N, C-alpha and C. Protein backbone atom coordinates (compact mmCIF):
# COMPACT_ATOMS: atom_id res chain seq x y z
N UNK A 1 0.97 -1.09 0.05
CA UNK A 1 0.07 -0.10 -0.01
C UNK A 1 0.85 1.31 -0.03
N UNK A 2 0.67 1.95 -0.87
CA UNK A 2 1.50 3.25 -1.22
C UNK A 2 0.76 4.44 -0.22
N UNK A 3 1.50 4.91 0.46
CA UNK A 3 0.99 6.12 1.40
C UNK A 3 1.29 7.75 0.59
N UNK A 4 0.57 8.24 0.06
CA UNK A 4 0.93 9.58 -0.53
C UNK A 4 1.21 10.71 0.45
N UNK A 5 2.32 11.33 0.37
CA UNK A 5 2.75 12.26 1.37
C UNK A 5 2.90 13.65 0.62
N UNK A 6 2.59 14.68 1.20
CA UNK A 6 2.75 16.13 0.79
C UNK A 6 3.76 17.02 1.71
N UNK A 7 4.43 18.02 0.94
CA UNK A 7 5.29 18.71 1.82
C UNK A 7 4.12 20.01 2.20
N UNK A 8 4.67 20.72 2.96
CA UNK A 8 3.98 21.99 3.53
C UNK A 8 3.52 22.86 2.31
N UNK A 9 4.27 22.98 1.27
CA UNK A 9 4.27 23.75 0.24
C UNK A 9 3.06 23.11 -0.80
N UNK A 10 3.13 21.89 -1.00
CA UNK A 10 2.06 21.03 -1.68
C UNK A 10 0.81 21.07 -0.93
N UNK A 11 0.65 20.94 0.25
CA UNK A 11 -0.58 21.00 1.13
C UNK A 11 -1.09 22.22 0.90
N UNK A 12 -0.20 23.41 1.09
CA UNK A 12 -0.98 24.58 1.03
C UNK A 12 -1.59 25.12 -0.39
N UNK A 13 -0.94 24.66 -1.28
CA UNK A 13 -1.59 24.53 -2.85
C UNK A 13 -2.97 24.17 -2.95
N UNK A 14 -2.84 22.95 -2.05
CA UNK A 14 -4.02 22.02 -2.46
C UNK A 14 -5.24 22.56 -1.51
N UNK A 15 -4.76 23.31 -0.17
CA UNK A 15 -5.79 23.98 0.62
C UNK A 15 -6.21 25.29 0.28
N UNK A 16 -5.29 25.76 -0.66
CA UNK A 16 -5.64 27.28 -0.97
C UNK A 16 -5.17 28.23 0.18
N UNK A 17 -4.01 27.88 1.01
CA UNK A 17 -3.68 28.58 1.82
C UNK A 17 -2.26 28.90 1.77
N UNK A 18 -1.38 29.52 2.60
CA UNK A 18 0.05 29.74 2.42
C UNK A 18 0.74 28.67 3.16
N UNK A 19 1.86 28.34 3.02
CA UNK A 19 2.64 27.43 3.85
C UNK A 19 2.58 27.72 5.21
N UNK A 20 2.87 29.01 5.50
CA UNK A 20 2.92 29.40 6.76
C UNK A 20 1.67 29.07 7.64
N UNK A 21 0.73 29.36 6.94
CA UNK A 21 -0.81 28.73 7.57
C UNK A 21 -0.72 27.07 7.78
N UNK A 22 -0.32 26.40 6.67
CA UNK A 22 -0.11 24.99 6.87
C UNK A 22 0.65 24.66 8.17
N UNK A 23 1.71 25.21 8.27
CA UNK A 23 2.83 25.10 9.50
C UNK A 23 1.85 25.39 10.83
N UNK A 24 1.39 26.69 10.57
CA UNK A 24 0.37 26.95 11.88
C UNK A 24 -0.54 25.86 12.16
N UNK A 25 -1.24 25.25 11.20
CA UNK A 25 -2.12 24.34 11.29
C UNK A 25 -1.69 22.91 12.12
N UNK A 26 -0.48 22.67 11.59
CA UNK A 26 0.37 21.72 11.97
C UNK A 26 0.65 21.71 13.45
N UNK A 27 0.92 22.85 13.81
CA UNK A 27 1.58 22.97 15.18
C UNK A 27 0.10 23.09 16.30
N UNK A 28 -0.93 23.51 15.79
CA UNK A 28 -2.08 23.66 16.46
C UNK A 28 -2.76 22.21 16.54
N UNK A 29 -2.39 21.31 15.73
CA UNK A 29 -2.98 20.07 15.91
C UNK A 29 -4.16 19.98 14.83
N UNK A 30 -4.34 21.05 14.19
CA UNK A 30 -5.62 20.91 13.21
C UNK A 30 -5.14 19.69 11.99
N UNK A 31 -3.97 19.77 11.50
CA UNK A 31 -3.51 18.81 10.48
C UNK A 31 -2.53 18.04 11.14
N UNK A 32 -2.67 16.39 11.18
CA UNK A 32 -1.62 15.56 11.40
C UNK A 32 -0.52 15.64 10.46
N UNK A 33 0.71 15.55 11.05
CA UNK A 33 1.69 15.52 10.23
C UNK A 33 2.83 14.56 10.72
N UNK A 34 3.83 14.29 10.09
CA UNK A 34 4.99 13.49 10.28
C UNK A 34 6.38 14.27 9.99
N UNK A 35 7.33 13.83 10.77
CA UNK A 35 8.57 14.37 10.42
C UNK A 35 9.52 13.50 9.36
N UNK A 36 9.92 13.89 8.48
CA UNK A 36 10.65 13.05 7.55
C UNK A 36 12.16 13.86 7.35
N UNK A 37 13.13 13.35 8.41
CA UNK A 37 14.32 14.22 8.52
C UNK A 37 13.77 15.72 8.98
N UNK A 38 14.27 16.60 8.29
CA UNK A 38 14.06 17.86 8.86
C UNK A 38 12.52 18.48 8.39
N UNK A 39 12.04 17.74 7.31
CA UNK A 39 10.98 18.18 6.61
C UNK A 39 9.58 17.70 7.39
N UNK A 40 8.51 18.31 7.36
CA UNK A 40 7.22 18.08 7.73
C UNK A 40 6.33 17.56 6.61
N UNK A 41 6.03 16.35 6.67
CA UNK A 41 5.08 15.99 5.62
C UNK A 41 3.79 15.42 6.19
N UNK A 42 2.62 15.81 5.16
CA UNK A 42 1.26 15.54 5.51
C UNK A 42 0.82 14.54 4.73
N UNK A 43 0.29 13.34 5.27
CA UNK A 43 -0.41 12.51 4.60
C UNK A 43 -1.63 12.73 3.84
N UNK A 44 -1.90 11.97 2.77
CA UNK A 44 -3.03 12.14 1.90
C UNK A 44 -4.22 12.20 2.82
N UNK A 45 -4.29 11.31 3.71
CA UNK A 45 -5.91 11.24 4.55
C UNK A 45 -5.76 12.49 5.51
N UNK A 46 -4.56 12.81 6.06
CA UNK A 46 -4.89 14.32 6.67
C UNK A 46 -5.32 15.35 5.94
N UNK A 47 -4.79 15.28 4.71
CA UNK A 47 -5.04 16.52 3.94
C UNK A 47 -6.37 16.42 3.61
N UNK A 48 -6.85 15.34 3.20
CA UNK A 48 -8.21 14.98 2.74
C UNK A 48 -9.26 15.64 3.97
N UNK A 49 -8.98 15.15 5.20
CA UNK A 49 -9.70 15.49 6.26
C UNK A 49 -9.74 16.98 6.66
N UNK A 50 -8.52 17.61 6.47
CA UNK A 50 -8.58 19.33 6.44
C UNK A 50 -9.31 19.79 5.29
N UNK A 51 -9.32 19.17 4.38
CA UNK A 51 -10.13 19.89 3.18
C UNK A 51 -11.55 19.74 3.46
N UNK A 52 -12.02 18.92 4.47
CA UNK A 52 -13.51 18.94 4.50
C UNK A 52 -14.08 19.95 5.66
N UNK A 53 -12.96 20.22 6.33
CA UNK A 53 -13.19 21.40 7.36
C UNK A 53 -12.92 22.69 6.71
N UNK A 54 -13.51 23.85 7.35
CA UNK A 54 -13.24 25.13 6.78
C UNK A 54 -11.72 25.46 7.19
N UNK A 55 -10.87 25.88 6.41
CA UNK A 55 -9.70 26.09 6.70
C UNK A 55 -9.28 27.69 6.32
N UNK A 56 -10.21 28.37 5.85
CA UNK A 56 -9.71 29.84 5.68
C UNK A 56 -10.14 30.65 6.88
N UNK A 57 -9.35 31.58 7.32
CA UNK A 57 -9.53 32.37 8.54
C UNK A 57 -10.76 33.45 8.38
N UNK A 58 -11.20 34.28 9.22
CA UNK A 58 -12.10 34.94 9.16
C UNK A 58 -13.48 34.49 9.91
N UNK A 59 -14.40 35.54 9.99
CA UNK A 59 -15.78 35.25 10.58
C UNK A 59 -16.53 34.53 9.53
N UNK A 60 -17.61 33.92 10.35
CA UNK A 60 -18.51 33.27 9.24
C UNK A 60 -19.36 34.31 8.71
N UNK A 61 -19.78 34.27 7.66
CA UNK A 61 -20.64 35.24 6.83
C UNK A 61 -21.94 35.20 7.48
N UNK A 62 -22.31 36.62 7.83
CA UNK A 62 -23.86 36.69 8.33
C UNK A 62 -24.91 36.57 7.33
N UNK A 63 -26.08 36.17 7.65
CA UNK A 63 -26.99 35.87 6.68
C UNK A 63 -27.57 37.41 6.23
N UNK A 64 -28.20 37.25 4.86
CA UNK A 64 -28.31 38.73 4.22
C UNK A 64 -29.68 39.12 5.14
N UNK A 65 -29.45 40.26 5.19
CA UNK A 65 -30.76 41.05 5.76
C UNK A 65 -31.99 41.35 4.57
N UNK A 66 -33.04 41.26 4.76
CA UNK A 66 -34.18 41.50 3.82
C UNK A 66 -33.79 42.80 3.42
N UNK A 67 -34.42 43.07 2.25
CA UNK A 67 -34.17 44.62 1.58
C UNK A 67 -35.04 45.68 2.36
N UNK A 68 -34.78 46.73 2.56
CA UNK A 68 -35.35 47.83 3.32
C UNK A 68 -36.50 48.46 2.49
N UNK A 69 -36.83 47.91 1.47
CA UNK A 69 -37.84 48.43 0.48
C UNK A 69 -37.62 50.23 0.40
N UNK A 70 -36.43 50.55 0.36
CA UNK A 70 -36.12 52.17 -0.13
C UNK A 70 -36.23 52.99 1.16
N UNK A 71 -36.16 52.31 2.37
CA UNK A 71 -36.14 53.12 3.70
C UNK A 71 -34.75 53.16 4.06
N UNK A 72 -34.37 54.35 4.57
CA UNK A 72 -33.05 54.45 5.21
C UNK A 72 -32.72 53.39 6.38
N UNK A 73 -31.48 52.92 6.47
CA UNK A 73 -31.23 52.26 7.67
C UNK A 73 -30.94 53.01 8.81
N UNK A 74 -30.96 52.48 9.91
CA UNK A 74 -30.75 53.43 11.05
C UNK A 74 -29.21 54.14 10.95
N UNK A 75 -28.27 53.50 10.46
CA UNK A 75 -27.04 53.95 10.24
C UNK A 75 -27.18 55.15 9.44
N UNK A 76 -27.85 55.13 8.25
CA UNK A 76 -28.26 56.31 7.31
C UNK A 76 -28.77 57.16 7.86
N UNK A 77 -29.93 57.04 8.57
CA UNK A 77 -30.75 57.83 9.17
C UNK A 77 -29.88 58.87 10.11
N UNK A 78 -29.27 58.30 11.09
CA UNK A 78 -28.27 59.07 11.96
C UNK A 78 -27.41 59.96 11.23
N UNK A 79 -26.83 59.48 9.92
CA UNK A 79 -25.89 60.43 9.19
C UNK A 79 -26.74 61.34 8.52
N UNK A 80 -27.83 61.08 8.00
CA UNK A 80 -28.73 62.27 7.54
C UNK A 80 -29.11 63.27 8.62
N UNK A 81 -29.52 62.78 9.73
CA UNK A 81 -29.99 63.72 10.71
C UNK A 81 -28.49 64.51 11.31
N UNK A 82 -27.54 63.99 11.19
CA UNK A 82 -26.27 64.77 11.61
C UNK A 82 -25.98 65.71 10.51
N UNK A 83 -26.13 65.29 9.21
CA UNK A 83 -25.73 66.28 8.25
C UNK A 83 -26.80 67.56 8.17
N UNK A 84 -28.06 67.34 8.42
CA UNK A 84 -29.04 68.31 8.70
C UNK A 84 -28.78 69.42 9.61
N UNK A 85 -28.11 68.98 10.76
CA UNK A 85 -27.97 69.67 12.01
C UNK A 85 -26.44 70.39 11.78
N UNK A 86 -25.86 70.21 10.67
CA UNK A 86 -24.52 70.80 10.37
C UNK A 86 -23.47 69.77 11.09
N UNK A 87 -23.61 68.75 11.46
CA UNK A 87 -22.33 67.77 11.92
C UNK A 87 -21.63 67.26 10.73
N UNK A 88 -21.36 66.03 10.86
CA UNK A 88 -20.11 65.60 10.07
C UNK A 88 -20.65 65.83 8.52
N UNK A 89 -19.57 65.89 7.88
CA UNK A 89 -19.86 66.15 6.29
C UNK A 89 -19.26 65.07 5.27
């Protein structure tokens, strides 16, 4: 049985992240890895598991809010009121 292994650069290309992010994921335990001499290698199984999970940083996107039917949002109302009073321009 042949076990395919990937370097951090190859794994990064497959995951769509930087090699530094892959190393960070290895250190935090998000991806299992093995040491091969001085190199860190990631098995195909570990890479496939990581691809199933969300790997990109950042907040989860919020659900879209329904249209306001042309009405000003509270933020816009505050800006409009401030502009009428001679506030921020």
